[in-house]
PDB file of all heavy atoms in Angstrom:
ATOM      1  N   ALA A   1      -8.194 -26.334   8.450  1.00  0.00           N
ATOM      2  CA  ALA A   1      -9.349 -26.906   7.750  1.00  0.00           C
ATOM      3  C   ALA A   1     -10.720 -26.350   8.227  1.00  0.00           C
ATOM      4  O   ALA A   1     -11.676 -27.042   8.246  1.00  0.00           O
ATOM      5  CB  ALA A   1      -9.379 -28.401   7.844  1.00  0.00           C
ATOM      6  N   LEU A   2     -10.674 -25.141   8.633  1.00  0.00           N
ATOM      7  CA  LEU A   2     -11.899 -24.369   8.970  1.00  0.00           C
ATOM      8  C   LEU A   2     -12.645 -24.010   7.704  1.00  0.00           C
ATOM      9  O   LEU A   2     -11.979 -23.457   6.812  1.00  0.00           O
ATOM     10  CB  LEU A   2     -11.661 -23.256   9.843  1.00  0.00           C
ATOM     11  CG  LEU A   2     -11.234 -23.540  11.366  1.00  0.00           C
ATOM     12  CD1 LEU A   2     -10.789 -22.331  12.055  1.00  0.00           C
ATOM     13  CD2 LEU A   2     -12.461 -24.138  12.102  1.00  0.00           C
ATOM     14  N   PRO A   3     -13.960 -24.159   7.665  1.00  0.00           N
ATOM     15  CA  PRO A   3     -14.699 -23.745   6.473  1.00  0.00           C
ATOM     16  C   PRO A   3     -14.824 -22.235   6.311  1.00  0.00           C
ATOM     17  O   PRO A   3     -15.090 -21.501   7.227  1.00  0.00           O
ATOM     18  CB  PRO A   3     -16.063 -24.421   6.688  1.00  0.00           C
ATOM     19  CG  PRO A   3     -16.221 -24.518   8.177  1.00  0.00           C
ATOM     20  CD  PRO A   3     -14.818 -24.769   8.706  1.00  0.00           C
ATOM     21  N   LEU A   4     -14.424 -21.793   5.034  1.00  0.00           N
ATOM     22  CA  LEU A   4     -14.441 -20.397   4.747  1.00  0.00           C
ATOM     23  C   LEU A   4     -15.316 -20.152   3.530  1.00  0.00           C
ATOM     24  O   LEU A   4     -15.430 -21.038   2.604  1.00  0.00           O
ATOM     25  CB  LEU A   4     -13.057 -19.898   4.425  1.00  0.00           C
ATOM     26  CG  LEU A   4     -11.877 -20.220   5.478  1.00  0.00           C
ATOM     27  CD1 LEU A   4     -10.593 -19.756   4.906  1.00  0.00           C
ATOM     28  CD2 LEU A   4     -12.192 -19.611   6.833  1.00  0.00           C
ATOM     29  N   THR A   5     -15.897 -18.978   3.479  1.00  0.00           N
ATOM     30  CA  THR A   5     -16.688 -18.609   2.376  1.00  0.00           C
ATOM     31  C   THR A   5     -15.692 -18.263   1.219  1.00  0.00           C
ATOM     32  O   THR A   5     -16.075 -18.271  -0.032  1.00  0.00           O
ATOM     33  CB  THR A   5     -17.605 -17.444   2.543  1.00  0.00           C
ATOM     34  OG1 THR A   5     -16.767 -16.292   3.045  1.00  0.00           O
ATOM     35  CG2 THR A   5     -18.623 -17.770   3.694  1.00  0.00           C
ATOM     36  N   ALA A   6     -14.511 -17.818   1.498  1.00  0.00           N
ATOM     37  CA  ALA A   6     -13.573 -17.374   0.511  1.00  0.00           C
ATOM     38  C   ALA A   6     -12.203 -17.150   1.237  1.00  0.00           C
ATOM     39  O   ALA A   6     -12.120 -17.076   2.462  1.00  0.00           O
ATOM     40  CB  ALA A   6     -13.944 -16.076  -0.214  1.00  0.00           C
ATOM     41  N   THR A   7     -11.125 -17.152   0.482  1.00  0.00           N
ATOM     42  CA  THR A   7      -9.830 -16.725   1.000  1.00  0.00           C
ATOM     43  C   THR A   7      -9.682 -15.250   0.722  1.00  0.00           C
ATOM     44  O   THR A   7     -10.591 -14.675   0.061  1.00  0.00           O
ATOM     45  CB  THR A   7      -8.706 -17.547   0.399  1.00  0.00           C
ATOM     46  OG1 THR A   7      -8.802 -17.297  -1.099  1.00  0.00           O
ATOM     47  CG2 THR A   7      -8.830 -19.007   0.638  1.00  0.00           C
ATOM     48  N   LEU A   8      -8.641 -14.608   1.144  1.00  0.00           N
ATOM     49  CA  LEU A   8      -8.408 -13.205   0.777  1.00  0.00           C
ATOM     50  C   LEU A   8      -6.903 -12.977   0.608  1.00  0.00           C
ATOM     51  O   LEU A   8      -5.987 -13.724   1.088  1.00  0.00           O
ATOM     52  CB  LEU A   8      -9.001 -12.256   1.807  1.00  0.00           C
ATOM     53  CG  LEU A   8      -8.501 -12.403   3.334  1.00  0.00           C
ATOM     54  CD1 LEU A   8      -7.204 -11.562   3.560  1.00  0.00           C
ATOM     55  CD2 LEU A   8      -9.560 -11.858   4.228  1.00  0.00           C
ATOM     56  N   THR A   9      -6.611 -11.945  -0.112  1.00  0.00           N
ATOM     57  CA  THR A   9      -5.201 -11.412  -0.334  1.00  0.00           C
ATOM     58  C   THR A   9      -5.226  -9.935  -0.073  1.00  0.00           C
ATOM     59  O   THR A   9      -6.158  -9.188  -0.296  1.00  0.00           O
ATOM     60  CB  THR A   9      -4.785 -11.712  -1.743  1.00  0.00           C
ATOM     61  OG1 THR A   9      -5.706 -11.271  -2.669  1.00  0.00           O
ATOM     62  CG2 THR A   9      -4.537 -13.184  -1.978  1.00  0.00           C
ATOM     63  N   SER A  10      -4.085  -9.506   0.456  1.00  0.00           N
ATOM     64  CA  SER A  10      -3.973  -8.064   0.881  1.00  0.00           C
ATOM     65  C   SER A  10      -2.678  -7.452   0.298  1.00  0.00           C
ATOM     66  O   SER A  10      -1.679  -8.160   0.106  1.00  0.00           O
ATOM     67  CB  SER A  10      -3.985  -7.995   2.435  1.00  0.00           C
ATOM     68  OG  SER A  10      -5.018  -8.637   2.960  1.00  0.00           O
ATOM     69  N   THR A  11      -2.698  -6.140   0.210  1.00  0.00           N
ATOM     70  CA  THR A  11      -1.480  -5.456  -0.265  1.00  0.00           C
ATOM     71  C   THR A  11      -1.521  -4.028   0.341  1.00  0.00           C
ATOM     72  O   THR A  11      -2.592  -3.508   0.740  1.00  0.00           O
ATOM     73  CB  THR A  11      -1.435  -5.383  -1.733  1.00  0.00           C
ATOM     74  OG1 THR A  11      -0.122  -4.860  -2.162  1.00  0.00           O
ATOM     75  CG2 THR A  11      -2.464  -4.507  -2.318  1.00  0.00           C
ATOM     76  N   SER A  12      -0.418  -3.311   0.339  1.00  0.00           N
ATOM     77  CA  SER A  12      -0.271  -2.012   0.804  1.00  0.00           C
ATOM     78  C   SER A  12       0.342  -1.102  -0.282  1.00  0.00           C
ATOM     79  O   SER A  12       1.207  -1.615  -1.064  1.00  0.00           O
ATOM     80  CB  SER A  12       0.488  -1.887   2.101  1.00  0.00           C
ATOM     81  OG  SER A  12       1.916  -2.373   1.835  1.00  0.00           O
ATOM     82  N   LEU A  13      -0.055   0.151  -0.344  1.00  0.00           N
ATOM     83  CA  LEU A  13       0.457   1.040  -1.324  1.00  0.00           C
ATOM     84  C   LEU A  13       0.662   2.442  -0.666  1.00  0.00           C
ATOM     85  O   LEU A  13      -0.087   2.808   0.233  1.00  0.00           O
ATOM     86  CB  LEU A  13      -0.448   1.231  -2.493  1.00  0.00           C
ATOM     87  CG  LEU A  13      -0.903  -0.064  -3.276  1.00  0.00           C
ATOM     88  CD1 LEU A  13      -2.227  -0.598  -2.710  1.00  0.00           C
ATOM     89  CD2 LEU A  13      -0.968   0.158  -4.826  1.00  0.00           C
ATOM     90  N   ALA A  14       1.630   3.185  -1.201  1.00  0.00           N
ATOM     91  CA  ALA A  14       1.803   4.602  -0.746  1.00  0.00           C
ATOM     92  C   ALA A  14       1.932   5.465  -1.976  1.00  0.00           C
ATOM     93  O   ALA A  14       2.441   5.098  -3.075  1.00  0.00           O
ATOM     94  CB  ALA A  14       3.098   4.699   0.049  1.00  0.00           C
ATOM     95  N   ILE A  15       1.402   6.679  -1.831  1.00  0.00           N
ATOM     96  CA  ILE A  15       1.508   7.728  -2.882  1.00  0.00           C
ATOM     97  C   ILE A  15       2.583   8.618  -2.413  1.00  0.00           C
ATOM     98  O   ILE A  15       2.517   9.352  -1.412  1.00  0.00           O
ATOM     99  CB  ILE A  15       0.212   8.473  -3.070  1.00  0.00           C
ATOM    100  CG1 ILE A  15      -0.911   7.432  -3.501  1.00  0.00           C
ATOM    101  CG2 ILE A  15       0.367   9.583  -4.115  1.00  0.00           C
ATOM    102  CD1 ILE A  15      -2.288   8.171  -3.655  1.00  0.00           C
ATOM    103  N   LEU A  16       3.646   8.781  -3.251  1.00  0.00           N
ATOM    104  CA  LEU A  16       4.834   9.570  -2.888  1.00  0.00           C
ATOM    105  C   LEU A  16       4.864  10.775  -3.840  1.00  0.00           C
ATOM    106  O   LEU A  16       4.655  10.666  -5.071  1.00  0.00           O
ATOM    107  CB  LEU A  16       6.098   8.729  -3.079  1.00  0.00           C
ATOM    108  CG  LEU A  16       6.217   7.427  -2.233  1.00  0.00           C
ATOM    109  CD1 LEU A  16       7.485   6.663  -2.592  1.00  0.00           C
ATOM    110  CD2 LEU A  16       6.223   7.814  -0.676  1.00  0.00           C
ATOM    111  N   PRO A  17       5.266  11.929  -3.269  1.00  0.00           N
ATOM    112  CA  PRO A  17       5.466  13.095  -4.196  1.00  0.00           C
ATOM    113  C   PRO A  17       6.777  12.850  -5.022  1.00  0.00           C
ATOM    114  O   PRO A  17       7.763  12.401  -4.530  1.00  0.00           O
ATOM    115  CB  PRO A  17       5.654  14.203  -3.214  1.00  0.00           C
ATOM    116  CG  PRO A  17       6.043  13.565  -1.942  1.00  0.00           C
ATOM    117  CD  PRO A  17       5.451  12.280  -1.883  1.00  0.00           C
ATOM    118  N   ASP A  18       6.646  13.194  -6.323  1.00  0.00           N
ATOM    119  CA  ASP A  18       7.792  12.992  -7.272  1.00  0.00           C
ATOM    120  C   ASP A  18       7.805  14.166  -8.205  1.00  0.00           C
ATOM    121  O   ASP A  18       7.443  14.129  -9.379  1.00  0.00           O
ATOM    122  CB  ASP A  18       7.569  11.725  -8.013  1.00  0.00           C
ATOM    123  CG  ASP A  18       8.781  11.340  -8.877  1.00  0.00           C
ATOM    124  OD1 ASP A  18       9.885  11.893  -8.535  1.00  0.00           O
ATOM    125  OD2 ASP A  18       8.621  10.677  -9.940  1.00  0.00           O
ATOM    126  N   GLY A  19       8.316  15.343  -7.644  1.00  0.00           N
ATOM    127  CA  GLY A  19       8.354  16.544  -8.441  1.00  0.00           C
ATOM    128  C   GLY A  19       6.965  17.036  -8.677  1.00  0.00           C
ATOM    129  O   GLY A  19       6.236  17.268  -7.763  1.00  0.00           O
ATOM    130  N   GLN A  20       6.657  17.290  -9.925  1.00  0.00           N
ATOM    131  CA  GLN A  20       5.376  17.845 -10.220  1.00  0.00           C
ATOM    132  C   GLN A  20       4.264  16.737 -10.286  1.00  0.00           C
ATOM    133  O   GLN A  20       3.048  17.037 -10.379  1.00  0.00           O
ATOM    134  CB  GLN A  20       5.383  18.568 -11.608  1.00  0.00           C
ATOM    135  CG  GLN A  20       6.258  19.795 -11.597  1.00  0.00           C
ATOM    136  CD  GLN A  20       5.833  20.867 -10.574  1.00  0.00           C
ATOM    137  OE1 GLN A  20       4.695  21.061 -10.423  1.00  0.00           O
ATOM    138  NE2 GLN A  20       6.805  21.443  -9.941  1.00  0.00           N
ATOM    139  N   SER A  21       4.637  15.461 -10.307  1.00  0.00           N
ATOM    140  CA  SER A  21       3.744  14.318 -10.383  1.00  0.00           C
ATOM    141  C   SER A  21       3.844  13.559  -9.083  1.00  0.00           C
ATOM    142  O   SER A  21       4.426  14.025  -8.153  1.00  0.00           O
ATOM    143  CB  SER A  21       4.060  13.440 -11.602  1.00  0.00           C
ATOM    144  OG  SER A  21       5.414  12.997 -11.419  1.00  0.00           O
ATOM    145  N   LYS A  22       3.096  12.433  -9.143  1.00  0.00           N
ATOM    146  CA  LYS A  22       3.066  11.597  -7.861  1.00  0.00           C
ATOM    147  C   LYS A  22       3.317  10.156  -8.375  1.00  0.00           C
ATOM    148  O   LYS A  22       3.049   9.729  -9.420  1.00  0.00           O
ATOM    149  CB  LYS A  22       1.796  11.731  -7.186  1.00  0.00           C
ATOM    150  CG  LYS A  22       1.551  13.114  -6.664  1.00  0.00           C
ATOM    151  CD  LYS A  22       0.137  13.226  -6.085  1.00  0.00           C
ATOM    152  CE  LYS A  22      -0.088  14.698  -5.591  1.00  0.00           C
ATOM    153  NZ  LYS A  22      -1.412  15.003  -5.083  1.00  0.00           N
ATOM    154  N   LYS A  23       3.957   9.384  -7.449  1.00  0.00           N
ATOM    155  CA  LYS A  23       4.263   7.978  -7.736  1.00  0.00           C
ATOM    156  C   LYS A  23       3.649   7.024  -6.696  1.00  0.00           C
ATOM    157  O   LYS A  23       3.598   7.359  -5.560  1.00  0.00           O
ATOM    158  CB  LYS A  23       5.778   7.885  -7.642  1.00  0.00           C
ATOM    159  CG  LYS A  23       6.361   6.481  -7.936  1.00  0.00           C
ATOM    160  CD  LYS A  23       7.825   6.435  -7.957  1.00  0.00           C
ATOM    161  CE  LYS A  23       8.410   6.771  -6.544  1.00  0.00           C
ATOM    162  NZ  LYS A  23       9.888   6.630  -6.556  1.00  0.00           N
ATOM    163  N   ILE A  24       3.173   5.881  -7.297  1.00  0.00           N
ATOM    164  CA  ILE A  24       2.557   4.963  -6.431  1.00  0.00           C
ATOM    165  C   ILE A  24       3.534   3.801  -6.193  1.00  0.00           C
ATOM    166  O   ILE A  24       4.108   3.272  -7.158  1.00  0.00           O
ATOM    167  CB  ILE A  24       1.219   4.402  -6.981  1.00  0.00           C
ATOM    168  CG1 ILE A  24       0.215   5.532  -7.104  1.00  0.00           C
ATOM    169  CG2 ILE A  24       0.734   3.288  -6.167  1.00  0.00           C
ATOM    170  CD1 ILE A  24      -1.150   5.091  -7.800  1.00  0.00           C
ATOM    171  N   THR A  25       3.742   3.408  -4.886  1.00  0.00           N
ATOM    172  CA  THR A  25       4.708   2.455  -4.610  1.00  0.00           C
ATOM    173  C   THR A  25       4.032   1.268  -3.892  1.00  0.00           C
ATOM    174  O   THR A  25       3.285   1.477  -2.888  1.00  0.00           O
ATOM    175  CB  THR A  25       5.797   2.885  -3.700  1.00  0.00           C
ATOM    176  OG1 THR A  25       6.491   3.994  -4.453  1.00  0.00           O
ATOM    177  CG2 THR A  25       6.891   1.821  -3.399  1.00  0.00           C
ATOM    178  N   LEU A  26       4.244   0.024  -4.321  1.00  0.00           N
ATOM    179  CA  LEU A  26       3.732  -1.163  -3.601  1.00  0.00           C
ATOM    180  C   LEU A  26       4.622  -1.561  -2.479  1.00  0.00           C
ATOM    181  O   LEU A  26       5.852  -1.461  -2.618  1.00  0.00           O
ATOM    182  CB  LEU A  26       3.558  -2.324  -4.594  1.00  0.00           C
ATOM    183  CG  LEU A  26       2.234  -2.462  -5.378  1.00  0.00           C
ATOM    184  CD1 LEU A  26       2.396  -3.562  -6.407  1.00  0.00           C
ATOM    185  CD2 LEU A  26       1.199  -2.843  -4.457  1.00  0.00           C
ATOM    186  N   ASN A  27       3.979  -2.011  -1.356  1.00  0.00           N
ATOM    187  CA  ASN A  27       4.778  -2.491  -0.223  1.00  0.00           C
ATOM    188  C   ASN A  27       5.936  -1.533   0.203  1.00  0.00           C
ATOM    189  O   ASN A  27       7.084  -1.836   0.224  1.00  0.00           O
ATOM    190  CB  ASN A  27       5.318  -3.880  -0.466  1.00  0.00           C
ATOM    191  CG  ASN A  27       4.308  -4.889  -0.925  1.00  0.00           C
ATOM    192  OD1 ASN A  27       3.271  -4.969  -0.305  1.00  0.00           O
ATOM    193  ND2 ASN A  27       4.612  -5.596  -2.010  1.00  0.00           N
ATOM    194  N   PRO A  28       5.546  -0.230   0.479  1.00  0.00           N
ATOM    195  CA  PRO A  28       6.565   0.730   0.783  1.00  0.00           C
ATOM    196  C   PRO A  28       7.329   0.390   2.028  1.00  0.00           C
ATOM    197  O   PRO A  28       6.783  -0.256   2.968  1.00  0.00           O
ATOM    198  CB  PRO A  28       5.706   2.008   0.960  1.00  0.00           C
ATOM    199  CG  PRO A  28       4.376   1.521   1.414  1.00  0.00           C
ATOM    200  CD  PRO A  28       4.159   0.255   0.659  1.00  0.00           C
ATOM    201  N   SER A  29       8.552   0.892   2.114  1.00  0.00           N
ATOM    202  CA  SER A  29       9.492   0.776   3.235  1.00  0.00           C
ATOM    203  C   SER A  29       9.011   1.839   4.269  1.00  0.00           C
ATOM    204  O   SER A  29       8.295   2.694   4.050  1.00  0.00           O
ATOM    205  CB  SER A  29      10.907   1.002   2.823  1.00  0.00           C
ATOM    206  OG  SER A  29      11.046   2.400   2.499  1.00  0.00           O
ATOM    207  N   PRO A  30       9.518   1.701   5.551  1.00  0.00           N
ATOM    208  CA  PRO A  30       9.217   2.684   6.612  1.00  0.00           C
ATOM    209  C   PRO A  30       9.589   4.017   6.165  1.00  0.00           C
ATOM    210  O   PRO A  30       8.866   4.930   6.437  1.00  0.00           O
ATOM    211  CB  PRO A  30      10.086   2.181   7.840  1.00  0.00           C
ATOM    212  CG  PRO A  30      10.192   0.701   7.531  1.00  0.00           C
ATOM    213  CD  PRO A  30      10.288   0.513   6.078  1.00  0.00           C
ATOM    214  N   ARG A  31      10.694   4.198   5.488  1.00  0.00           N
ATOM    215  CA  ARG A  31      11.083   5.561   5.098  1.00  0.00           C
ATOM    216  C   ARG A  31      10.065   6.090   4.064  1.00  0.00           C
ATOM    217  O   ARG A  31       9.741   7.300   4.100  1.00  0.00           O
ATOM    218  CB  ARG A  31      12.539   5.559   4.461  1.00  0.00           C
ATOM    219  CG  ARG A  31      12.945   6.913   3.943  1.00  0.00           C
ATOM    220  CD  ARG A  31      14.454   6.950   3.512  1.00  0.00           C
ATOM    221  NE  ARG A  31      14.831   8.218   3.083  1.00  0.00           N
ATOM    222  CZ  ARG A  31      16.052   8.533   2.747  1.00  0.00           C
ATOM    223  NH1 ARG A  31      16.956   7.601   2.793  1.00  0.00           N
ATOM    224  NH2 ARG A  31      16.440   9.772   2.348  1.00  0.00           N
ATOM    225  N   GLU A  32       9.656   5.319   3.117  1.00  0.00           N
ATOM    226  CA  GLU A  32       8.709   5.731   2.083  1.00  0.00           C
ATOM    227  C   GLU A  32       7.364   6.031   2.717  1.00  0.00           C
ATOM    228  O   GLU A  32       6.735   7.019   2.281  1.00  0.00           O
ATOM    229  CB  GLU A  32       8.485   4.656   1.049  1.00  0.00           C
ATOM    230  CG  GLU A  32       9.743   4.488   0.083  1.00  0.00           C
ATOM    231  CD  GLU A  32       9.704   3.289  -0.831  1.00  0.00           C
ATOM    232  OE1 GLU A  32       9.083   2.258  -0.394  1.00  0.00           O
ATOM    233  OE2 GLU A  32      10.296   3.427  -1.920  1.00  0.00           O
ATOM    234  N   ILE A  33       6.941   5.323   3.739  1.00  0.00           N
ATOM    235  CA  ILE A  33       5.691   5.571   4.423  1.00  0.00           C
ATOM    236  C   ILE A  33       5.826   6.921   5.156  1.00  0.00           C
ATOM    237  O   ILE A  33       4.883   7.709   5.211  1.00  0.00           O
ATOM    238  CB  ILE A  33       5.314   4.467   5.419  1.00  0.00           C
ATOM    239  CG1 ILE A  33       5.049   3.179   4.585  1.00  0.00           C
ATOM    240  CG2 ILE A  33       4.170   4.898   6.256  1.00  0.00           C
ATOM    241  CD1 ILE A  33       4.850   2.009   5.517  1.00  0.00           C
ATOM    242  N   GLU A  34       7.047   7.187   5.716  1.00  0.00           N
ATOM    243  CA  GLU A  34       7.212   8.362   6.468  1.00  0.00           C
ATOM    244  C   GLU A  34       7.078   9.650   5.573  1.00  0.00           C
ATOM    245  O   GLU A  34       6.579  10.683   6.062  1.00  0.00           O
ATOM    246  CB  GLU A  34       8.645   8.374   7.071  1.00  0.00           C
ATOM    247  CG  GLU A  34       9.062   9.608   7.857  1.00  0.00           C
ATOM    248  CD  GLU A  34       8.313   9.703   9.167  1.00  0.00           C
ATOM    249  OE1 GLU A  34       7.786   8.707   9.711  1.00  0.00           O
ATOM    250  OE2 GLU A  34       8.370  10.833   9.801  1.00  0.00           O
ATOM    251  N   VAL A  35       7.541   9.570   4.330  1.00  0.00           N
ATOM    252  CA  VAL A  35       7.547  10.717   3.478  1.00  0.00           C
ATOM    253  C   VAL A  35       6.326  10.701   2.523  1.00  0.00           C
ATOM    254  O   VAL A  35       6.186  11.715   1.719  1.00  0.00           O
ATOM    255  CB  VAL A  35       8.840  10.875   2.696  1.00  0.00           C
ATOM    256  CG1 VAL A  35      10.054  10.958   3.545  1.00  0.00           C
ATOM    257  CG2 VAL A  35       9.049   9.627   1.708  1.00  0.00           C
ATOM    258  N   SER A  36       5.515   9.679   2.583  1.00  0.00           N
ATOM    259  CA  SER A  36       4.408   9.604   1.603  1.00  0.00           C
ATOM    260  C   SER A  36       3.269  10.634   1.968  1.00  0.00           C
ATOM    261  O   SER A  36       3.139  11.106   3.037  1.00  0.00           O
ATOM    262  CB  SER A  36       3.801   8.189   1.749  1.00  0.00           C
ATOM    263  OG  SER A  36       3.161   7.952   2.994  1.00  0.00           O
ATOM    264  N   GLN A  37       2.571  10.856   0.898  1.00  0.00           N
ATOM    265  CA  GLN A  37       1.419  11.778   1.040  1.00  0.00           C
ATOM    266  C   GLN A  37       0.257  11.062   1.582  1.00  0.00           C
ATOM    267  O   GLN A  37      -0.576  11.542   2.366  1.00  0.00           O
ATOM    268  CB  GLN A  37       1.053  12.297  -0.348  1.00  0.00           C
ATOM    269  CG  GLN A  37      -0.354  13.128  -0.470  1.00  0.00           C
ATOM    270  CD  GLN A  37      -0.655  13.431  -1.839  1.00  0.00           C
ATOM    271  OE1 GLN A  37       0.098  14.098  -2.564  1.00  0.00           O
ATOM    272  NE2 GLN A  37      -1.904  13.013  -2.282  1.00  0.00           N
ATOM    273  N   SER A  38       0.091   9.706   1.244  1.00  0.00           N
ATOM    274  CA  SER A  38      -0.989   8.892   1.780  1.00  0.00           C
ATOM    275  C   SER A  38      -0.607   7.439   1.738  1.00  0.00           C
ATOM    276  O   SER A  38       0.322   7.105   0.991  1.00  0.00           O
ATOM    277  CB  SER A  38      -2.310   9.074   1.067  1.00  0.00           C
ATOM    278  OG  SER A  38      -2.203   8.701  -0.327  1.00  0.00           O
ATOM    279  N   PHE A  39      -1.166   6.657   2.556  1.00  0.00           N
ATOM    280  CA  PHE A  39      -0.847   5.190   2.697  1.00  0.00           C
ATOM    281  C   PHE A  39      -2.139   4.424   2.714  1.00  0.00           C
ATOM    282  O   PHE A  39      -3.119   4.797   3.360  1.00  0.00           O
ATOM    283  CB  PHE A  39      -0.035   4.957   4.001  1.00  0.00           C
ATOM    284  CG  PHE A  39       0.366   3.507   4.147  1.00  0.00           C
ATOM    285  CD1 PHE A  39       1.251   2.952   3.302  1.00  0.00           C
ATOM    286  CD2 PHE A  39      -0.269   2.751   5.179  1.00  0.00           C
ATOM    287  CE1 PHE A  39       1.603   1.644   3.437  1.00  0.00           C
ATOM    288  CE2 PHE A  39       0.102   1.410   5.300  1.00  0.00           C
ATOM    289  CZ  PHE A  39       0.997   0.819   4.465  1.00  0.00           C
ATOM    290  N   HIS A  40      -2.267   3.265   1.983  1.00  0.00           N
ATOM    291  CA  HIS A  40      -3.474   2.591   1.787  1.00  0.00           C
ATOM    292  C   HIS A  40      -3.219   1.076   1.919  1.00  0.00           C
ATOM    293  O   HIS A  40      -2.205   0.506   1.546  1.00  0.00           O
ATOM    294  CB  HIS A  40      -4.062   2.806   0.433  1.00  0.00           C
ATOM    295  CG  HIS A  40      -4.185   4.298   0.053  1.00  0.00           C
ATOM    296  ND1 HIS A  40      -5.278   4.983   0.213  1.00  0.00           N
ATOM    297  CD2 HIS A  40      -3.186   5.187  -0.454  1.00  0.00           C
ATOM    298  CE1 HIS A  40      -5.053   6.250  -0.181  1.00  0.00           C
ATOM    299  NE2 HIS A  40      -3.843   6.430  -0.610  1.00  0.00           N
ATOM    300  N   VAL A  41      -4.190   0.347   2.487  1.00  0.00           N
ATOM    301  CA  VAL A  41      -4.132  -1.114   2.594  1.00  0.00           C
ATOM    302  C   VAL A  41      -5.497  -1.636   2.026  1.00  0.00           C
ATOM    303  O   VAL A  41      -6.590  -1.122   2.375  1.00  0.00           O
ATOM    304  CB  VAL A  41      -4.100  -1.568   4.003  1.00  0.00           C
ATOM    305  CG1 VAL A  41      -4.225  -3.045   4.131  1.00  0.00           C
ATOM    306  CG2 VAL A  41      -2.698  -1.138   4.627  1.00  0.00           C
ATOM    307  N   PHE A  42      -5.434  -2.525   1.112  1.00  0.00           N
ATOM    308  CA  PHE A  42      -6.609  -3.180   0.522  1.00  0.00           C
ATOM    309  C   PHE A  42      -6.595  -4.640   0.675  1.00  0.00           C
ATOM    310  O   PHE A  42      -5.461  -5.292   0.622  1.00  0.00           O
ATOM    311  CB  PHE A  42      -6.609  -2.862  -1.080  1.00  0.00           C
ATOM    312  CG  PHE A  42      -6.890  -1.467  -1.382  1.00  0.00           C
ATOM    313  CD1 PHE A  42      -5.753  -0.657  -1.512  1.00  0.00           C
ATOM    314  CD2 PHE A  42      -8.075  -0.963  -1.659  1.00  0.00           C
ATOM    315  CE1 PHE A  42      -5.929   0.725  -1.821  1.00  0.00           C
ATOM    316  CE2 PHE A  42      -8.253   0.359  -2.013  1.00  0.00           C
ATOM    317  CZ  PHE A  42      -7.161   1.207  -2.065  1.00  0.00           C
ATOM    318  N   SER A  43      -7.704  -5.308   0.814  1.00  0.00           N
ATOM    319  CA  SER A  43      -7.914  -6.694   0.923  1.00  0.00           C
ATOM    320  C   SER A  43      -9.075  -7.108  -0.048  1.00  0.00           C
ATOM    321  O   SER A  43     -10.070  -6.477  -0.004  1.00  0.00           O
ATOM    322  CB  SER A  43      -8.163  -7.250   2.287  1.00  0.00           C
ATOM    323  OG  SER A  43      -7.028  -7.056   3.129  1.00  0.00           O
TER     324      SER A  43
END
């Protein structure tokens, strides 16, 4: 019950190479993070 100006929500995404294109994956696994081109966290 501490006073807050707002709550927040967070998520993680990884951009994975997929042939000639690229694929975005939500909540990637450790293996997907390992082979990903980039990894991002947003709140």
